[in-house]
Amino acid sequence: MYFVYIIECSDRSLYTGITNDLGRRFDEHKNGNGGHYTNAKKVERILYTEEYSSRSSALKRESQIKKWTRAKKEALIDGNLDLLKKL
């Protein structure tokens, strides 16, 4: 299993990534080992996850979400499908 996730950072920015172990990856982000962006921004919490059976599917979805505006990501996080379609 692979997970696409959205994390909120201390400056309220959103970070999107993938992993096959959500707990481990979140701990890496929290401990400053998750990458340059989250190391600089300090992660707060996981806001959203989706589960995929293959790494390829998860990577495609991650790429799609990363291109979205903040408003569209927030609609996804909130489960607001009507707004998500409009954006």
PDB file of N, CA and C in Angstrom:
ATOM      1  N   MET A   1       0.818  -1.182   0.000  1.00  0.00           N
ATOM      2  CA  MET A   1       0.000   0.000   0.000  1.00  0.00           C
ATOM      3  C   MET A   1       0.868   1.254   0.000  1.00  0.00           C
ATOM      4  N   TYR A   2       0.401   2.254  -0.694  1.00  0.00           N
ATOM      5  CA  TYR A   2       1.044   3.567  -0.731  1.00  0.00           C
ATOM      6  C   TYR A   2       0.017   4.621  -0.352  1.00  0.00           C
ATOM      7  N   PHE A   3       0.503   5.674   0.243  1.00  0.00           N
ATOM      8  CA  PHE A   3      -0.359   6.748   0.687  1.00  0.00           C
ATOM      9  C   PHE A   3       0.083   8.063   0.076  1.00  0.00           C
ATOM     10  N   VAL A   4      -0.881   8.831  -0.386  1.00  0.00           N
ATOM     11  CA  VAL A   4      -0.670  10.230  -0.731  1.00  0.00           C
ATOM     12  C   VAL A   4      -1.153  10.995   0.485  1.00  0.00           C
ATOM     13  N   TYR A   5      -0.367  11.969   0.924  1.00  0.00           N
ATOM     14  CA  TYR A   5      -0.741  12.705   2.125  1.00  0.00           C
ATOM     15  C   TYR A   5      -0.518  14.191   1.945  1.00  0.00           C
ATOM     16  N   ILE A   6      -1.270  14.958   2.714  1.00  0.00           N
ATOM     17  CA  ILE A   6      -1.078  16.401   2.771  1.00  0.00           C
ATOM     18  C   ILE A   6      -0.824  16.751   4.227  1.00  0.00           C
ATOM     19  N   ILE A   7       0.282  17.442   4.457  1.00  0.00           N
ATOM     20  CA  ILE A   7       0.692  17.860   5.795  1.00  0.00           C
ATOM     21  C   ILE A   7       0.592  19.377   5.887  1.00  0.00           C
ATOM     22  N   GLU A   8       0.159  19.857   7.045  1.00  0.00           N
ATOM     23  CA  GLU A   8       0.183  21.290   7.319  1.00  0.00           C
ATOM     24  C   GLU A   8       1.462  21.622   8.067  1.00  0.00           C
ATOM     25  N   CYS A   9       2.148  22.660   7.621  1.00  0.00           N
ATOM     26  CA  CYS A   9       3.379  23.110   8.274  1.00  0.00           C
ATOM     27  C   CYS A   9       3.071  24.267   9.223  1.00  0.00           C
ATOM     28  N   SER A  10       4.053  24.616  10.038  1.00  0.00           N
ATOM     29  CA  SER A  10       3.854  25.645  11.065  1.00  0.00           C
ATOM     30  C   SER A  10       3.506  27.013  10.483  1.00  0.00           C
ATOM     31  N   ASP A  11       3.893  27.274   9.244  1.00  0.00           N
ATOM     32  CA  ASP A  11       3.546  28.548   8.601  1.00  0.00           C
ATOM     33  C   ASP A  11       2.223  28.458   7.834  1.00  0.00           C
ATOM     34  N   ARG A  12       1.485  27.376   8.059  1.00  0.00           N
ATOM     35  CA  ARG A  12       0.189  27.069   7.445  1.00  0.00           C
ATOM     36  C   ARG A  12       0.296  26.652   5.976  1.00  0.00           C
ATOM     37  N   SER A  13       1.501  26.474   5.458  1.00  0.00           N
ATOM     38  CA  SER A  13       1.653  25.966   4.099  1.00  0.00           C
ATOM     39  C   SER A  13       1.306  24.478   4.089  1.00  0.00           C
ATOM     40  N   LEU A  14       1.009  23.976   2.896  1.00  0.00           N
ATOM     41  CA  LEU A  14       0.631  22.577   2.729  1.00  0.00           C
ATOM     42  C   LEU A  14       1.703  21.851   1.936  1.00  0.00           C
ATOM     43  N   TYR A  15       2.062  20.671   2.396  1.00  0.00           N
ATOM     44  CA  TYR A  15       3.053  19.832   1.717  1.00  0.00           C
ATOM     45  C   TYR A  15       2.376  18.528   1.318  1.00  0.00           C
ATOM     46  N   THR A  16       2.549  18.116   0.077  1.00  0.00           N
ATOM     47  CA  THR A  16       1.977  16.870  -0.431  1.00  0.00           C
ATOM     48  C   THR A  16       3.098  15.892  -0.738  1.00  0.00           C
ATOM     49  N   GLY A  17       2.923  14.632  -0.331  1.00  0.00           N
ATOM     50  CA  GLY A  17       3.934  13.618  -0.583  1.00  0.00           C
ATOM     51  C   GLY A  17       3.317  12.231  -0.665  1.00  0.00           C
ATOM     52  N   ILE A  18       4.174  11.220  -0.876  1.00  0.00           N
ATOM     53  CA  ILE A  18       3.731   9.823  -0.882  1.00  0.00           C
ATOM     54  C   ILE A  18       4.661   9.008   0.011  1.00  0.00           C
ATOM     55  N   THR A  19       4.134   7.883   0.481  1.00  0.00           N
ATOM     56  CA  THR A  19       4.923   6.966   1.298  1.00  0.00           C
ATOM     57  C   THR A  19       4.232   5.614   1.338  1.00  0.00           C
ATOM     58  N   ASN A  20       4.984   4.602   1.767  1.00  0.00           N
ATOM     59  CA  ASN A  20       4.361   3.295   2.015  1.00  0.00           C
ATOM     60  C   ASN A  20       4.228   3.047   3.519  1.00  0.00           C
ATOM     61  N   ASP A  21       4.665   4.015   4.332  1.00  0.00           N
ATOM     62  CA  ASP A  21       4.560   3.914   5.790  1.00  0.00           C
ATOM     63  C   ASP A  21       4.297   5.318   6.340  1.00  0.00           C
ATOM     64  N   LEU A  22       3.032   5.628   6.518  1.00  0.00           N
ATOM     65  CA  LEU A  22       2.626   6.980   6.889  1.00  0.00           C
ATOM     66  C   LEU A  22       3.198   7.422   8.236  1.00  0.00           C
ATOM     67  N   GLY A  23       3.153   6.569   9.228  1.00  0.00           N
ATOM     68  CA  GLY A  23       3.676   6.912  10.547  1.00  0.00           C
ATOM     69  C   GLY A  23       5.163   7.209  10.526  1.00  0.00           C
ATOM     70  N   ARG A  24       5.921   6.336   9.856  1.00  0.00           N
ATOM     71  CA  ARG A  24       7.366   6.533   9.757  1.00  0.00           C
ATOM     72  C   ARG A  24       7.690   7.824   9.029  1.00  0.00           C
ATOM     73  N   ARG A  25       6.986   8.070   7.915  1.00  0.00           N
ATOM     74  CA  ARG A  25       7.279   9.255   7.104  1.00  0.00           C
ATOM     75  C   ARG A  25       6.938  10.538   7.860  1.00  0.00           C
ATOM     76  N   PHE A  26       5.823  10.525   8.583  1.00  0.00           N
ATOM     77  CA  PHE A  26       5.466  11.704   9.364  1.00  0.00           C
ATOM     78  C   PHE A  26       6.531  11.967  10.436  1.00  0.00           C
ATOM     79  N   ASP A  27       6.993  10.902  11.085  1.00  0.00           N
ATOM     80  CA  ASP A  27       8.060  11.043  12.077  1.00  0.00           C
ATOM     81  C   ASP A  27       9.325  11.613  11.452  1.00  0.00           C
ATOM     82  N   GLU A  28       9.641  11.178  10.241  1.00  0.00           N
ATOM     83  CA  GLU A  28      10.811  11.720   9.541  1.00  0.00           C
ATOM     84  C   GLU A  28      10.647  13.225   9.314  1.00  0.00           C
ATOM     85  N   HIS A  29       9.463  13.613   8.861  1.00  0.00           N
ATOM     86  CA  HIS A  29       9.202  15.041   8.657  1.00  0.00           C
ATOM     87  C   HIS A  29       9.329  15.799   9.982  1.00  0.00           C
ATOM     88  N   LYS A  30       8.741  15.275  11.039  1.00  0.00           N
ATOM     89  CA  LYS A  30       8.773  15.941  12.351  1.00  0.00           C
ATOM     90  C   LYS A  30      10.201  16.073  12.889  1.00  0.00           C
ATOM     91  N   ASN A  31      11.045  15.079  12.607  1.00  0.00           N
ATOM     92  CA  ASN A  31      12.410  15.063  13.121  1.00  0.00           C
ATOM     93  C   ASN A  31      13.425  15.759  12.206  1.00  0.00           C
ATOM     94  N   GLY A  32      12.928  16.388  11.131  1.00  0.00           N
ATOM     95  CA  GLY A  32      13.820  17.119  10.234  1.00  0.00           C
ATOM     96  C   GLY A  32      14.512  16.263   9.199  1.00  0.00           C
ATOM     97  N   ASN A  33      14.060  15.027   9.020  1.00  0.00           N
ATOM     98  CA  ASN A  33      14.667  14.127   8.037  1.00  0.00           C
ATOM     99  C   ASN A  33      13.762  13.864   6.838  1.00  0.00           C
ATOM    100  N   GLY A  34      12.719  14.664   6.686  1.00  0.00           N
ATOM    101  CA  GLY A  34      11.732  14.410   5.641  1.00  0.00           C
ATOM    102  C   GLY A  34      11.972  15.140   4.341  1.00  0.00           C
ATOM    103  N   GLY A  35      12.948  16.011   4.302  1.00  0.00           N
ATOM    104  CA  GLY A  35      13.223  16.773   3.093  1.00  0.00           C
ATOM    105  C   GLY A  35      13.442  18.237   3.418  1.00  0.00           C
ATOM    106  N   HIS A  36      13.941  18.963   2.450  1.00  0.00           N
ATOM    107  CA  HIS A  36      14.303  20.366   2.661  1.00  0.00           C
ATOM    108  C   HIS A  36      13.105  21.229   3.035  1.00  0.00           C
ATOM    109  N   TYR A  37      12.002  21.058   2.313  1.00  0.00           N
ATOM    110  CA  TYR A  37      10.843  21.923   2.542  1.00  0.00           C
ATOM    111  C   TYR A  37      10.299  21.761   3.956  1.00  0.00           C
ATOM    112  N   THR A  38      10.004  20.531   4.340  1.00  0.00           N
ATOM    113  CA  THR A  38       9.402  20.318   5.658  1.00  0.00           C
ATOM    114  C   THR A  38      10.409  20.542   6.784  1.00  0.00           C
ATOM    115  N   ASN A  39      11.672  20.388   6.508  1.00  0.00           N
ATOM    116  CA  ASN A  39      12.690  20.685   7.516  1.00  0.00           C
ATOM    117  C   ASN A  39      12.711  22.182   7.816  1.00  0.00           C
ATOM    118  N   ALA A  40      12.561  22.988   6.779  1.00  0.00           N
ATOM    119  CA  ALA A  40      12.576  24.436   6.938  1.00  0.00           C
ATOM    120  C   ALA A  40      11.264  24.967   7.520  1.00  0.00           C
ATOM    121  N   LYS A  41      10.158  24.301   7.213  1.00  0.00           N
ATOM    122  CA  LYS A  41       8.841  24.806   7.598  1.00  0.00           C
ATOM    123  C   LYS A  41       8.288  24.186   8.883  1.00  0.00           C
ATOM    124  N   LYS A  42       8.815  23.087   9.332  1.00  0.00           N
ATOM    125  CA  LYS A  42       8.362  22.382  10.546  1.00  0.00           C
ATOM    126  C   LYS A  42       6.908  21.907  10.407  1.00  0.00           C
ATOM    127  N   VAL A  43       6.731  20.618  10.322  1.00  0.00           N
ATOM    128  CA  VAL A  43       5.393  20.046  10.125  1.00  0.00           C
ATOM    129  C   VAL A  43       4.590  20.065  11.418  1.00  0.00           C
ATOM    130  N   GLU A  44       3.289  20.198  11.269  1.00  0.00           N
ATOM    131  CA  GLU A  44       2.371  20.231  12.403  1.00  0.00           C
ATOM    132  C   GLU A  44       1.519  18.965  12.478  1.00  0.00           C
ATOM    133  N   ARG A  45       0.816  18.666  11.372  1.00  0.00           N
ATOM    134  CA  ARG A  45      -0.113  17.526  11.407  1.00  0.00           C
ATOM    135  C   ARG A  45      -0.467  17.068  10.005  1.00  0.00           C
ATOM    136  N   ILE A  46      -0.924  15.827   9.940  1.00  0.00           N
ATOM    137  CA  ILE A  46      -1.420  15.283   8.678  1.00  0.00           C
ATOM    138  C   ILE A  46      -2.875  15.709   8.540  1.00  0.00           C
ATOM    139  N   LEU A  47      -3.194  16.343   7.408  1.00  0.00           N
ATOM    140  CA  LEU A  47      -4.555  16.813   7.181  1.00  0.00           C
ATOM    141  C   LEU A  47      -5.378  15.865   6.329  1.00  0.00           C
ATOM    142  N   TYR A  48      -4.698  15.084   5.463  1.00  0.00           N
ATOM    143  CA  TYR A  48      -5.439  14.296   4.473  1.00  0.00           C
ATOM    144  C   TYR A  48      -4.586  13.132   3.994  1.00  0.00           C
ATOM    145  N   THR A  49      -5.228  11.992   3.748  1.00  0.00           N
ATOM    146  CA  THR A  49      -4.544  10.839   3.150  1.00  0.00           C
ATOM    147  C   THR A  49      -5.456  10.133   2.163  1.00  0.00           C
ATOM    148  N   GLU A  50      -4.847   9.515   1.186  1.00  0.00           N
ATOM    149  CA  GLU A  50      -5.515   8.606   0.251  1.00  0.00           C
ATOM    150  C   GLU A  50      -4.636   7.373   0.128  1.00  0.00           C
ATOM    151  N   GLU A  51      -5.245   6.226  -0.057  1.00  0.00           N
ATOM    152  CA  GLU A  51      -4.513   4.955  -0.138  1.00  0.00           C
ATOM    153  C   GLU A  51      -4.547   4.420  -1.571  1.00  0.00           C
ATOM    154  N   TYR A  52      -3.402   3.909  -2.034  1.00  0.00           N
ATOM    155  CA  TYR A  52      -3.276   3.349  -3.380  1.00  0.00           C
ATOM    156  C   TYR A  52      -2.564   2.009  -3.319  1.00  0.00           C
ATOM    157  N   SER A  53      -2.890   1.144  -4.258  1.00  0.00           N
ATOM    158  CA  SER A  53      -2.299  -0.196  -4.267  1.00  0.00           C
ATOM    159  C   SER A  53      -0.933  -0.225  -4.948  1.00  0.00           C
ATOM    160  N   SER A  54      -0.614   0.810  -5.728  1.00  0.00           N
ATOM    161  CA  SER A  54       0.684   0.822  -6.404  1.00  0.00           C
ATOM    162  C   SER A  54       1.377   2.168  -6.242  1.00  0.00           C
ATOM    163  N   ARG A  55       2.693   2.122  -6.294  1.00  0.00           N
ATOM    164  CA  ARG A  55       3.491   3.345  -6.198  1.00  0.00           C
ATOM    165  C   ARG A  55       3.202   4.264  -7.381  1.00  0.00           C
ATOM    166  N   SER A  56       3.026   3.671  -8.548  1.00  0.00           N
ATOM    167  CA  SER A  56       2.756   4.436  -9.760  1.00  0.00           C
ATOM    168  C   SER A  56       1.475   5.263  -9.623  1.00  0.00           C
ATOM    169  N   SER A  57       0.423   4.654  -9.128  1.00  0.00           N
ATOM    170  CA  SER A  57      -0.853   5.356  -8.945  1.00  0.00           C
ATOM    171  C   SER A  57      -0.707   6.491  -7.932  1.00  0.00           C
ATOM    172  N   ALA A  58       0.007   6.218  -6.853  1.00  0.00           N
ATOM    173  CA  ALA A  58       0.218   7.231  -5.822  1.00  0.00           C
ATOM    174  C   ALA A  58       1.028   8.404  -6.377  1.00  0.00           C
ATOM    175  N   LEU A  59       2.059   8.121  -7.162  1.00  0.00           N
ATOM    176  CA  LEU A  59       2.878   9.183  -7.753  1.00  0.00           C
ATOM    177  C   LEU A  59       2.069  10.060  -8.703  1.00  0.00           C
ATOM    178  N   LYS A  60       1.189   9.436  -9.477  1.00  0.00           N
ATOM    179  CA  LYS A  60       0.340  10.197 -10.401  1.00  0.00           C
ATOM    180  C   LYS A  60      -0.587  11.127  -9.631  1.00  0.00           C
ATOM    181  N   ARG A  61      -1.185  10.625  -8.569  1.00  0.00           N
ATOM    182  CA  ARG A  61      -2.098  11.430  -7.764  1.00  0.00           C
ATOM    183  C   ARG A  61      -1.343  12.552  -7.036  1.00  0.00           C
ATOM    184  N   GLU A  62      -0.171  12.240  -6.508  1.00  0.00           N
ATOM    185  CA  GLU A  62       0.646  13.260  -5.847  1.00  0.00           C
ATOM    186  C   GLU A  62       0.957  14.394  -6.826  1.00  0.00           C
ATOM    187  N   SER A  63       1.363  14.045  -8.018  1.00  0.00           N
ATOM    188  CA  SER A  63       1.687  15.040  -9.036  1.00  0.00           C
ATOM    189  C   SER A  63       0.473  15.910  -9.358  1.00  0.00           C
ATOM    190  N   GLN A  64      -0.687  15.293  -9.463  1.00  0.00           N
ATOM    191  CA  GLN A  64      -1.917  16.025  -9.753  1.00  0.00           C
ATOM    192  C   GLN A  64      -2.221  17.034  -8.638  1.00  0.00           C
ATOM    193  N   ILE A  65      -2.182  16.577  -7.400  1.00  0.00           N
ATOM    194  CA  ILE A  65      -2.514  17.438  -6.262  1.00  0.00           C
ATOM    195  C   ILE A  65      -1.508  18.576  -6.121  1.00  0.00           C
ATOM    196  N   LYS A  66      -0.232  18.300  -6.346  1.00  0.00           N
ATOM    197  CA  LYS A  66       0.802  19.337  -6.212  1.00  0.00           C
ATOM    198  C   LYS A  66       0.579  20.503  -7.173  1.00  0.00           C
ATOM    199  N   LYS A  67      -0.093  20.270  -8.284  1.00  0.00           N
ATOM    200  CA  LYS A  67      -0.366  21.322  -9.267  1.00  0.00           C
ATOM    201  C   LYS A  67      -1.575  22.179  -8.885  1.00  0.00           C
ATOM    202  N   TRP A  68      -2.347  21.740  -7.925  1.00  0.00           N
ATOM    203  CA  TRP A  68      -3.564  22.449  -7.539  1.00  0.00           C
ATOM    204  C   TRP A  68      -3.265  23.693  -6.725  1.00  0.00           C
ATOM    205  N   THR A  69      -4.247  24.597  -6.736  1.00  0.00           N
ATOM    206  CA  THR A  69      -4.180  25.775  -5.876  1.00  0.00           C
ATOM    207  C   THR A  69      -4.434  25.361  -4.432  1.00  0.00           C
ATOM    208  N   ARG A  70      -4.102  26.248  -3.533  1.00  0.00           N
ATOM    209  CA  ARG A  70      -4.375  25.985  -2.117  1.00  0.00           C
ATOM    210  C   ARG A  70      -5.874  25.790  -1.889  1.00  0.00           C
ATOM    211  N   ALA A  71      -6.698  26.606  -2.539  1.00  0.00           N
ATOM    212  CA  ALA A  71      -8.147  26.505  -2.370  1.00  0.00           C
ATOM    213  C   ALA A  71      -8.657  25.125  -2.781  1.00  0.00           C
ATOM    214  N   LYS A  72      -8.126  24.599  -3.863  1.00  0.00           N
ATOM    215  CA  LYS A  72      -8.553  23.284  -4.324  1.00  0.00           C
ATOM    216  C   LYS A  72      -8.095  22.187  -3.359  1.00  0.00           C
ATOM    217  N   LYS A  73      -6.871  22.314  -2.844  1.00  0.00           N
ATOM    218  CA  LYS A  73      -6.384  21.351  -1.851  1.00  0.00           C
ATOM    219  C   LYS A  73      -7.245  21.401  -0.591  1.00  0.00           C
ATOM    220  N   GLU A  74      -7.628  22.594  -0.166  1.00  0.00           N
ATOM    221  CA  GLU A  74      -8.462  22.728   1.021  1.00  0.00           C
ATOM    222  C   GLU A  74      -9.841  22.109   0.797  1.00  0.00           C
ATOM    223  N   ALA A  75     -10.387  22.257  -0.403  1.00  0.00           N
ATOM    224  CA  ALA A  75     -11.672  21.630  -0.724  1.00  0.00           C
ATOM    225  C   ALA A  75     -11.548  20.106  -0.643  1.00  0.00           C
ATOM    226  N   LEU A  76     -10.441  19.564  -1.133  1.00  0.00           N
ATOM    227  CA  LEU A  76     -10.193  18.123  -1.041  1.00  0.00           C
ATOM    228  C   LEU A  76     -10.110  17.696   0.421  1.00  0.00           C
ATOM    229  N   ILE A  77      -9.348  18.412   1.209  1.00  0.00           N
ATOM    230  CA  ILE A  77      -9.175  18.105   2.631  1.00  0.00           C
ATOM    231  C   ILE A  77     -10.520  18.139   3.352  1.00  0.00           C
ATOM    232  N   ASP A  78     -11.352  19.129   3.013  1.00  0.00           N
ATOM    233  CA  ASP A  78     -12.658  19.293   3.654  1.00  0.00           C
ATOM    234  C   ASP A  78     -13.710  18.331   3.119  1.00  0.00           C
ATOM    235  N   GLY A  79     -13.390  17.642   2.035  1.00  0.00           N
ATOM    236  CA  GLY A  79     -14.361  16.722   1.431  1.00  0.00           C
ATOM    237  C   GLY A  79     -15.480  17.449   0.695  1.00  0.00           C
ATOM    238  N   ASN A  80     -15.227  18.692   0.288  1.00  0.00           N
ATOM    239  CA  ASN A  80     -16.216  19.500  -0.406  1.00  0.00           C
ATOM    240  C   ASN A  80     -16.117  19.231  -1.904  1.00  0.00           C
ATOM    241  N   LEU A  81     -16.792  18.183  -2.361  1.00  0.00           N
ATOM    242  CA  LEU A  81     -16.681  17.742  -3.751  1.00  0.00           C
ATOM    243  C   LEU A  81     -17.251  18.741  -4.732  1.00  0.00           C
ATOM    244  N   ASP A  82     -18.326  19.457  -4.347  1.00  0.00           N
ATOM    245  CA  ASP A  82     -18.896  20.460  -5.251  1.00  0.00           C
ATOM    246  C   ASP A  82     -17.898  21.575  -5.521  1.00  0.00           C
ATOM    247  N   LEU A  83     -17.278  22.087  -4.483  1.00  0.00           N
ATOM    248  CA  LEU A  83     -16.276  23.146  -4.649  1.00  0.00           C
ATOM    249  C   LEU A  83     -15.050  22.616  -5.378  1.00  0.00           C
ATOM    250  N   LEU A  84     -14.654  21.395  -5.075  1.00  0.00           N
ATOM    251  CA  LEU A  84     -13.500  20.789  -5.717  1.00  0.00           C
ATOM    252  C   LEU A  84     -13.699  20.738  -7.228  1.00  0.00           C
ATOM    253  N   LYS A  85     -14.890  20.360  -7.672  1.00  0.00           N
ATOM    254  CA  LYS A  85     -15.196  20.309  -9.118  1.00  0.00           C
ATOM    255  C   LYS A  85     -15.173  21.690  -9.755  1.00  0.00           C
ATOM    256  N   LYS A  86     -15.662  22.703  -9.011  1.00  0.00           N
ATOM    257  CA  LYS A  86     -15.682  24.063  -9.541  1.00  0.00           C
ATOM    258  C   LYS A  86     -14.275  24.639  -9.690  1.00  0.00           C
ATOM    259  N   LEU A  87     -13.402  24.274  -8.777  1.00  0.00           N
ATOM    260  CA  LEU A  87     -12.047  24.821  -8.807  1.00  0.00           C
ATOM    261  C   LEU A  87     -11.185  24.068  -9.805  1.00  0.00           C
TER     262      LEU A  87
END
